[in-house]
Amino acid sequence: MRPTRAWTIAGLVLVAAIGVGLALGEVGLRLFYPQQLSVWRLERDGLTSHPPGVVAYLPQRGISVSFNSEGMRDLEHSVTKAEGTFRVLLLGDSFMEALQLPFESSFPSLVERLLAGRTGRRIEVVNASVSGWGTDDELQYLATRGLKWKPDLIVVAMTLHNDIADNLRERFHTTRNGALVEQPAQVSFLEQRNIQAKTFLAARFHTYQLLVRARRFQETHSEARKLSGHVVDLFRNPTDPQIARGVELTSLLLKRIHRLASANTSVLTLVLLPLAVQLSDARFATFAASATDKLDMTRPQRMMTDVGRRLGIEVIDLLPGFREWTTGGGESLYLESDGHWNEEGHRLAARIVATELVRLGLVRERELKASAPSTRKWRLRS
């Protein structure tokens, strides 16, 4: 046998052995240690989204999740708004994306039904939320895609423990001399092809996802430590300089969203999502014990409420209702596994927001009846 032919055969045998090994490993992972396959992709303009029409099973949750033809964790929506419909565009991150539970048990679906029941109107909530989005991403989405929905109301759900940090990455906007400046995050053709290949593998192969998890282990822990430090800084008084810069940037981003909304006859409101450590004095005391100085428990909410007041944006703060529920003996609102809301958390948030939207006149009743004043008894089921 010629040496060249022998080497060719040996190479083919090696490739076949590797292929068989990977196939067996993939089958083993699917059966005994399934990974969460990716349901995200990166667009050419740098914005993270979901692949349209994808259905994926999440083994950690035991549920299947689906995305509509627009890549939203939502039902299908016609771009043309039906006559008589009041349309709400919801912008948020993983809390609103809600991959932890069935869609019908999540905030977007619940608040749609509650508003319809309380106002007698046809309500349509369009959920354009994606994990990892901050106000910067939400402005980018609204300016490039979101306004086609012609929403009557735009709701920005702000996760206080990480949205300011996300905005400080300055993917799409930065500040210069106190003004907001765009900086497009275009992805080159070759980068896009590379990302598409990785997205394909991450969405289909458990082996690839396990390798990615192993490679990112140290990076993930480093990011978690940075986020923990950022969360502590949110509660400091006086304000940490980096947090002050983040609040300024966030204020300018919200100002631009407000301007876009007003120019398109939409109303903007801001919903503040509390941190789990804020729900009781005891939990916050344990959290604050690691800090070398005194922390102010409601400082993040007050900072963003002040921003809303300056910009003329109505702010709905979930913290009072969440604390009332917790101190009144209500069951846990957060999942222990990853810190997102459980079904009770989504139900309570939807009840508070629906009540406040009606009370503030942001969603009016069909016959324009006077709304009953809020009783703040969030433990009562709707």
Protein backbone atom coordinates (compact mmCIF):
# COMPACT_ATOMS: atom_id res chain seq x y z
CA MET A 1 0.00 0.00 0.00
CA ARG A 2 1.36 3.40 -0.93
CA PRO A 3 2.19 5.73 2.00
CA THR A 4 -0.12 8.45 0.68
CA ARG A 5 -3.05 6.06 0.48
CA ALA A 6 -2.31 4.70 3.96
CA TRP A 7 -2.28 8.19 5.41
CA THR A 8 -5.57 9.02 3.63
CA ILE A 9 -7.23 5.91 5.03
CA ALA A 10 -5.91 6.64 8.52
CA GLY A 11 -7.19 10.20 8.27
CA LEU A 12 -10.65 9.05 7.18
CA VAL A 13 -10.77 6.50 10.01
CA LEU A 14 -9.82 9.23 12.50
CA VAL A 15 -12.49 11.60 11.15
CA ALA A 16 -15.07 8.81 11.28
CA ALA A 17 -14.08 7.94 14.87
CA ILE A 18 -14.37 11.58 15.92
CA GLY A 19 -17.75 11.83 14.19
CA VAL A 20 -19.05 8.69 15.91
CA GLY A 21 -17.72 9.93 19.25
CA LEU A 22 -19.45 13.30 18.85
CA ALA A 23 -22.67 11.62 17.77
CA LEU A 24 -22.63 9.28 20.78
CA GLY A 25 -21.81 12.21 23.06
CA GLU A 26 -24.69 14.22 21.59
CA VAL A 27 -27.13 11.35 22.11
CA GLY A 28 -25.89 10.83 25.68
CA LEU A 29 -26.30 14.52 26.53
CA ARG A 30 -29.80 14.65 25.05
CA LEU A 31 -30.83 11.63 27.12
CA PHE A 32 -29.08 12.21 30.43
CA TYR A 33 -27.79 15.80 30.66
CA PRO A 34 -29.67 18.02 28.17
CA GLN A 35 -28.45 21.59 27.76
CA GLN A 36 -30.55 24.68 27.12
CA LEU A 37 -30.19 25.31 23.41
CA SER A 38 -29.84 28.90 22.28
CA VAL A 39 -32.93 30.86 21.23
CA TRP A 40 -31.11 34.11 20.45
CA ARG A 41 -29.25 35.53 17.49
CA LEU A 42 -27.26 38.67 16.68
CA GLU A 43 -28.56 40.93 13.91
CA ARG A 44 -26.36 42.83 11.47
CA ASP A 45 -26.97 46.07 13.38
CA GLY A 46 -25.72 44.46 16.61
CA LEU A 47 -29.14 43.99 18.23
CA THR A 48 -29.87 40.63 19.88
CA SER A 49 -33.16 39.03 18.84
CA HIS A 50 -34.87 35.63 18.53
CA PRO A 51 -35.01 33.57 15.33
CA PRO A 52 -38.55 33.89 13.90
CA GLY A 53 -40.84 30.89 14.23
CA VAL A 54 -38.53 28.83 16.44
CA VAL A 55 -39.94 26.32 18.95
CA ALA A 56 -37.50 25.06 21.58
CA TYR A 57 -37.73 22.71 24.55
CA LEU A 58 -36.05 23.98 27.72
CA PRO A 59 -35.14 20.89 29.78
CA GLN A 60 -34.29 22.87 32.93
CA ARG A 61 -37.88 24.18 33.01
CA GLY A 62 -39.66 21.25 31.41
CA ILE A 63 -41.49 23.55 28.99
CA SER A 64 -41.43 24.38 25.30
CA VAL A 65 -41.12 28.01 24.25
CA SER A 66 -42.03 29.45 20.88
CA PHE A 67 -41.38 32.70 19.04
CA ASN A 68 -43.68 34.28 16.50
CA SER A 69 -42.84 35.31 12.93
CA GLU A 70 -41.34 38.56 14.26
CA GLY A 71 -39.04 36.66 16.65
CA MET A 72 -41.04 37.67 19.75
CA ARG A 73 -41.89 35.52 22.77
CA ASP A 74 -45.52 36.19 22.02
CA LEU A 75 -48.51 35.18 19.96
CA GLU A 76 -48.78 36.36 16.35
CA HIS A 77 -49.68 40.01 15.80
CA SER A 78 -50.75 41.71 12.61
CA VAL A 79 -48.73 44.85 11.96
CA THR A 80 -51.99 46.56 10.98
CA LYS A 81 -53.82 47.36 14.20
CA ALA A 82 -57.47 46.29 14.23
CA GLU A 83 -60.00 49.09 14.61
CA GLY A 84 -60.86 49.79 18.23
CA THR A 85 -57.74 48.03 19.56
CA PHE A 86 -55.57 49.67 22.23
CA ARG A 87 -52.04 48.46 21.54
CA VAL A 88 -49.26 48.30 24.15
CA LEU A 89 -45.64 47.79 23.09
CA LEU A 90 -43.68 46.15 25.91
CA LEU A 91 -39.90 46.62 25.98
CA GLY A 92 -37.86 44.73 28.56
CA ASP A 93 -35.28 42.04 29.23
CA SER A 94 -35.39 38.45 30.49
CA PHE A 95 -38.06 39.24 33.10
CA MET A 96 -40.52 40.16 30.33
CA GLU A 97 -39.18 37.51 27.92
CA ALA A 98 -40.06 35.04 30.70
CA LEU A 99 -38.50 31.82 29.43
CA GLN A 100 -38.91 30.34 32.92
CA LEU A 101 -42.63 29.58 32.55
CA PRO A 102 -45.42 29.10 29.98
CA PHE A 103 -46.28 32.25 28.04
CA GLU A 104 -49.87 32.35 29.25
CA SER A 105 -48.56 32.57 32.85
CA SER A 106 -46.18 35.45 32.06
CA PHE A 107 -46.57 39.18 32.64
CA PRO A 108 -47.27 40.18 28.99
CA SER A 109 -50.14 37.71 28.62
CA LEU A 110 -51.55 38.36 32.11
CA VAL A 111 -51.50 42.16 31.89
CA GLU A 112 -53.22 42.02 28.49
CA ARG A 113 -56.10 39.97 29.93
CA LEU A 114 -56.35 42.08 33.09
CA LEU A 115 -56.49 45.35 31.16
CA ALA A 116 -59.14 43.96 28.83
CA GLY A 117 -61.23 42.80 31.79
CA ARG A 118 -60.93 46.08 33.69
CA THR A 119 -61.51 48.47 30.79
CA GLY A 120 -63.89 46.53 28.56
CA ARG A 121 -61.63 47.39 25.63
CA ARG A 122 -59.80 45.26 23.11
CA ILE A 123 -56.23 45.27 24.43
CA GLU A 124 -53.21 43.96 22.54
CA VAL A 125 -49.81 43.69 24.24
CA VAL A 126 -46.91 43.25 21.80
CA ASN A 127 -44.01 41.73 23.74
CA ALA A 128 -40.74 42.82 22.09
CA SER A 129 -38.54 41.87 25.07
CA VAL A 130 -35.21 40.03 24.81
CA SER A 131 -32.78 38.72 27.45
CA GLY A 132 -29.85 41.06 28.02
CA TRP A 133 -31.55 44.17 26.67
CA GLY A 134 -31.10 47.46 28.48
CA THR A 135 -32.60 50.86 27.69
CA ASP A 136 -29.93 51.30 25.00
CA ASP A 137 -31.13 48.18 23.13
CA GLU A 138 -34.77 49.14 23.64
CA LEU A 139 -34.22 52.56 22.06
CA GLN A 140 -32.40 50.89 19.15
CA TYR A 141 -35.30 48.49 18.63
CA LEU A 142 -37.92 51.23 18.85
CA ALA A 143 -36.10 53.51 16.42
CA THR A 144 -35.41 50.80 13.82
CA ARG A 145 -38.35 48.38 14.15
CA GLY A 146 -40.76 49.10 16.98
CA LEU A 147 -42.65 52.11 15.69
CA LYS A 148 -44.20 50.06 12.89
CA TRP A 149 -46.56 48.62 15.52
CA LYS A 150 -48.08 52.09 16.06
CA PRO A 151 -48.53 51.53 19.81
CA ASP A 152 -50.89 53.67 21.86
CA LEU A 153 -48.73 53.01 24.93
CA ILE A 154 -45.07 52.04 25.25
CA VAL A 155 -44.10 50.33 28.50
CA VAL A 156 -40.39 50.14 29.36
CA ALA A 157 -39.87 47.53 32.08
CA MET A 158 -36.59 48.43 33.79
CA THR A 159 -34.70 45.77 35.73
CA LEU A 160 -32.94 47.95 38.26
CA HIS A 161 -30.11 45.59 39.16
CA ASN A 162 -28.61 45.41 35.66
CA ASP A 163 -30.17 47.82 33.13
CA ILE A 164 -27.89 50.71 34.09
CA ALA A 165 -24.87 48.40 33.80
CA ASP A 166 -26.14 47.19 30.40
CA ASN A 167 -26.50 50.79 29.21
CA LEU A 168 -22.91 51.54 30.24
CA ARG A 169 -21.72 49.07 27.60
CA GLU A 170 -22.75 51.79 25.13
CA ARG A 171 -23.54 49.42 22.29
CA PHE A 172 -25.61 51.90 20.30
CA HIS A 173 -25.43 55.25 22.12
CA THR A 174 -22.97 57.23 24.22
CA THR A 175 -22.82 60.74 25.67
CA ARG A 176 -20.74 63.69 24.53
CA ASN A 177 -20.94 67.06 26.26
CA GLY A 178 -24.19 66.04 27.93
CA ALA A 179 -25.88 64.97 24.68
CA LEU A 180 -26.86 61.53 23.44
CA VAL A 181 -24.82 60.42 20.43
CA GLU A 182 -25.52 57.40 18.22
CA GLN A 183 -22.73 54.93 17.52
CA PRO A 184 -24.02 52.22 15.18
CA ALA A 185 -22.76 48.73 16.05
CA GLN A 186 -22.64 47.32 12.52
CA VAL A 187 -21.34 43.77 12.16
CA SER A 188 -19.13 42.97 9.15
CA PHE A 189 -20.13 40.32 6.59
CA LEU A 190 -17.49 37.84 7.82
CA GLU A 191 -18.42 38.46 11.47
CA GLN A 192 -22.08 37.91 10.59
CA ARG A 193 -21.27 34.60 8.86
CA ASN A 194 -19.24 33.46 11.87
CA ILE A 195 -22.06 34.44 14.22
CA GLN A 196 -24.62 32.66 12.04
CA ALA A 197 -22.55 29.45 12.15
CA LYS A 198 -22.25 29.63 15.94
CA THR A 199 -25.96 30.42 16.26
CA PHE A 200 -26.81 27.37 14.12
CA LEU A 201 -24.68 25.09 16.32
CA ALA A 202 -25.91 26.61 19.60
CA ALA A 203 -29.55 26.17 18.58
CA ARG A 204 -29.22 22.50 17.64
CA PHE A 205 -26.38 20.69 19.41
CA HIS A 206 -26.17 19.98 23.13
CA THR A 207 -22.46 19.08 22.81
CA TYR A 208 -21.66 22.53 21.46
CA GLN A 209 -23.59 24.23 24.27
CA LEU A 210 -21.76 22.19 26.92
CA LEU A 211 -18.40 23.15 25.42
CA VAL A 212 -19.44 26.81 25.35
CA ARG A 213 -20.52 26.63 28.99
CA ALA A 214 -17.18 25.12 29.99
CA ARG A 215 -15.23 27.75 28.05
CA ARG A 216 -17.23 30.60 29.56
CA PHE A 217 -17.17 29.33 33.15
CA GLN A 218 -14.52 31.77 34.39
CA GLU A 219 -15.91 34.61 32.29
CA THR A 220 -19.39 34.06 33.74
CA HIS A 221 -18.10 34.15 37.31
CA SER A 222 -16.14 37.33 36.57
CA GLU A 223 -19.25 39.00 35.12
CA ALA A 224 -21.27 37.89 38.15
CA ARG A 225 -18.75 39.49 40.51
CA LYS A 226 -18.85 42.73 38.53
CA LEU A 227 -22.65 42.75 38.61
CA SER A 228 -22.69 42.14 42.37
CA GLY A 229 -20.40 45.15 42.84
CA HIS A 230 -22.62 47.20 40.56
CA VAL A 231 -25.72 46.26 42.57
CA VAL A 232 -24.08 47.37 45.83
CA ASP A 233 -23.08 50.67 44.19
CA LEU A 234 -26.72 51.32 43.23
CA PHE A 235 -27.59 51.67 46.91
CA ARG A 236 -24.71 53.96 47.92
CA ASN A 237 -25.35 57.53 49.00
CA PRO A 238 -23.68 59.69 47.75
CA THR A 239 -23.93 58.12 44.31
CA ASP A 240 -20.93 56.27 42.92
CA PRO A 241 -19.47 58.24 39.93
CA GLN A 242 -19.94 55.32 37.52
CA ILE A 243 -23.54 54.87 38.63
CA ALA A 244 -24.13 58.62 38.24
CA ARG A 245 -22.85 58.39 34.67
CA GLY A 246 -25.08 55.38 34.03
CA VAL A 247 -28.14 57.21 35.37
CA GLU A 248 -27.32 60.21 33.17
CA LEU A 249 -27.01 57.98 30.11
CA THR A 250 -30.21 56.12 31.00
CA SER A 251 -32.02 59.45 31.43
CA LEU A 252 -30.92 60.56 27.95
CA LEU A 253 -31.98 57.22 26.45
CA LEU A 254 -35.43 57.51 28.06
CA LYS A 255 -35.68 61.11 26.87
CA ARG A 256 -35.08 59.95 23.28
CA ILE A 257 -37.64 57.12 23.66
CA HIS A 258 -40.13 59.65 25.08
CA ARG A 259 -39.53 61.96 22.12
CA LEU A 260 -40.04 59.13 19.61
CA ALA A 261 -43.21 58.05 21.41
CA SER A 262 -44.66 61.55 21.46
CA ALA A 263 -43.84 62.13 17.79
CA ASN A 264 -45.79 58.96 16.98
CA THR A 265 -48.79 59.79 19.21
CA SER A 266 -47.78 57.19 21.80
CA VAL A 267 -47.54 57.55 25.57
CA LEU A 268 -44.51 56.25 27.46
CA THR A 269 -44.51 54.79 30.95
CA LEU A 270 -41.68 53.26 32.99
CA VAL A 271 -42.14 50.20 35.22
CA LEU A 272 -39.46 49.64 37.87
CA LEU A 273 -38.72 45.99 38.72
CA PRO A 274 -37.41 45.59 42.29
CA LEU A 275 -34.51 43.49 43.50
CA ALA A 276 -35.35 40.45 45.60
CA VAL A 277 -33.15 41.77 48.45
CA GLN A 278 -35.43 44.80 48.77
CA LEU A 279 -38.54 42.83 49.68
CA SER A 280 -37.92 42.77 53.43
CA ASP A 281 -35.82 44.70 55.92
CA ALA A 282 -34.18 41.48 57.11
CA ARG A 283 -33.09 40.43 53.62
CA PHE A 284 -31.72 43.87 52.85
CA ALA A 285 -29.83 43.98 56.15
CA THR A 286 -28.15 40.67 55.27
CA PHE A 287 -27.29 42.00 51.81
CA ALA A 288 -25.97 45.32 53.18
CA ALA A 289 -23.80 43.61 55.79
CA SER A 290 -21.17 42.93 53.13
CA ALA A 291 -20.76 46.64 52.39
CA THR A 292 -18.29 48.84 54.26
CA ASP A 293 -20.66 51.80 54.32
CA LYS A 294 -24.39 52.32 54.84
CA LEU A 295 -26.68 51.46 51.95
CA ASP A 296 -30.00 53.16 51.14
CA MET A 297 -32.62 50.49 50.33
CA THR A 298 -34.90 52.56 48.05
CA ARG A 299 -32.21 54.65 46.35
CA PRO A 300 -32.44 52.95 42.89
CA GLN A 301 -36.20 53.56 42.75
CA ARG A 302 -35.87 57.17 43.87
CA MET A 303 -33.18 57.89 41.27
CA MET A 304 -35.29 56.55 38.42
CA THR A 305 -38.50 58.13 39.74
CA ASP A 306 -36.71 61.49 39.75
CA VAL A 307 -35.64 60.85 36.14
CA GLY A 308 -39.24 60.10 35.17
CA ARG A 309 -40.48 63.23 36.93
CA ARG A 310 -37.95 65.42 35.11
CA LEU A 311 -38.87 63.92 31.74
CA GLY A 312 -42.63 63.94 32.31
CA ILE A 313 -42.86 60.12 32.23
CA GLU A 314 -45.26 58.27 34.52
CA VAL A 315 -43.39 55.75 36.67
CA ILE A 316 -44.94 52.60 38.15
CA ASP A 317 -42.79 51.29 41.01
CA LEU A 318 -43.44 47.63 41.87
CA LEU A 319 -41.44 47.73 45.11
CA PRO A 320 -44.22 48.90 47.50
CA GLY A 321 -46.62 46.21 46.28
CA PHE A 322 -43.96 43.50 46.32
CA ARG A 323 -42.92 44.45 49.87
CA GLU A 324 -46.54 44.51 51.06
CA TRP A 325 -47.04 41.04 49.63
CA THR A 326 -43.88 39.68 51.25
CA THR A 327 -44.32 41.24 54.69
CA GLY A 328 -47.97 40.13 54.66
CA GLY A 329 -46.89 36.51 54.47
CA GLY A 330 -47.31 35.96 50.74
CA GLU A 331 -45.41 33.14 49.09
CA SER A 332 -42.09 33.73 47.34
CA LEU A 333 -42.17 35.81 44.16
CA TYR A 334 -38.78 34.75 42.79
CA LEU A 335 -37.29 31.48 41.57
CA GLU A 336 -34.46 30.31 43.78
CA SER A 337 -32.63 28.82 40.80
CA ASP A 338 -31.99 32.00 38.81
CA GLY A 339 -33.62 35.01 40.49
CA HIS A 340 -36.39 35.60 37.95
CA TRP A 341 -40.05 35.86 38.92
CA ASN A 342 -42.03 32.71 39.45
CA GLU A 343 -45.70 32.50 38.41
CA GLU A 344 -46.83 34.35 41.55
CA GLY A 345 -44.34 37.13 40.81
CA HIS A 346 -45.71 37.54 37.29
CA ARG A 347 -49.30 37.55 38.58
CA LEU A 348 -48.60 40.18 41.22
CA ALA A 349 -46.64 42.41 38.82
CA ALA A 350 -49.42 42.20 36.23
CA ARG A 351 -52.10 43.11 38.80
CA ILE A 352 -50.15 46.11 40.05
CA VAL A 353 -49.33 47.41 36.57
CA ALA A 354 -52.86 46.91 35.22
CA THR A 355 -54.33 48.70 38.24
CA GLU A 356 -51.91 51.61 37.96
CA LEU A 357 -52.28 52.02 34.19
CA VAL A 358 -56.05 52.38 34.63
CA ARG A 359 -55.75 54.60 37.71
CA LEU A 360 -53.31 56.93 35.93
CA GLY A 361 -55.59 57.16 32.92
CA LEU A 362 -52.96 55.65 30.61
CA VAL A 363 -55.49 52.99 29.58
CA ARG A 364 -59.03 54.32 29.78
CA GLU A 365 -62.18 52.36 30.30
CA ARG A 366 -64.49 52.00 27.33
CA GLU A 367 -67.21 54.25 28.78
CA LEU A 368 -64.69 56.59 30.46
CA LYS A 369 -66.08 55.75 33.89
CA ALA A 370 -64.16 57.05 36.89
CA SER A 371 -61.70 54.42 38.02
CA ALA A 372 -61.95 53.18 41.56
CA PRO A 373 -59.02 54.26 43.72
CA SER A 374 -56.30 51.70 44.24
CA THR A 375 -56.67 49.76 47.49
CA ARG A 376 -53.04 48.57 47.41
CA LYS A 377 -54.24 45.16 48.67
CA TRP A 378 -52.10 43.23 46.23
CA ARG A 379 -52.72 39.92 47.97
CA LEU A 380 -56.30 39.93 46.69
CA ARG A 381 -56.53 37.87 43.51
CA SER A 382 -58.09 39.43 40.43
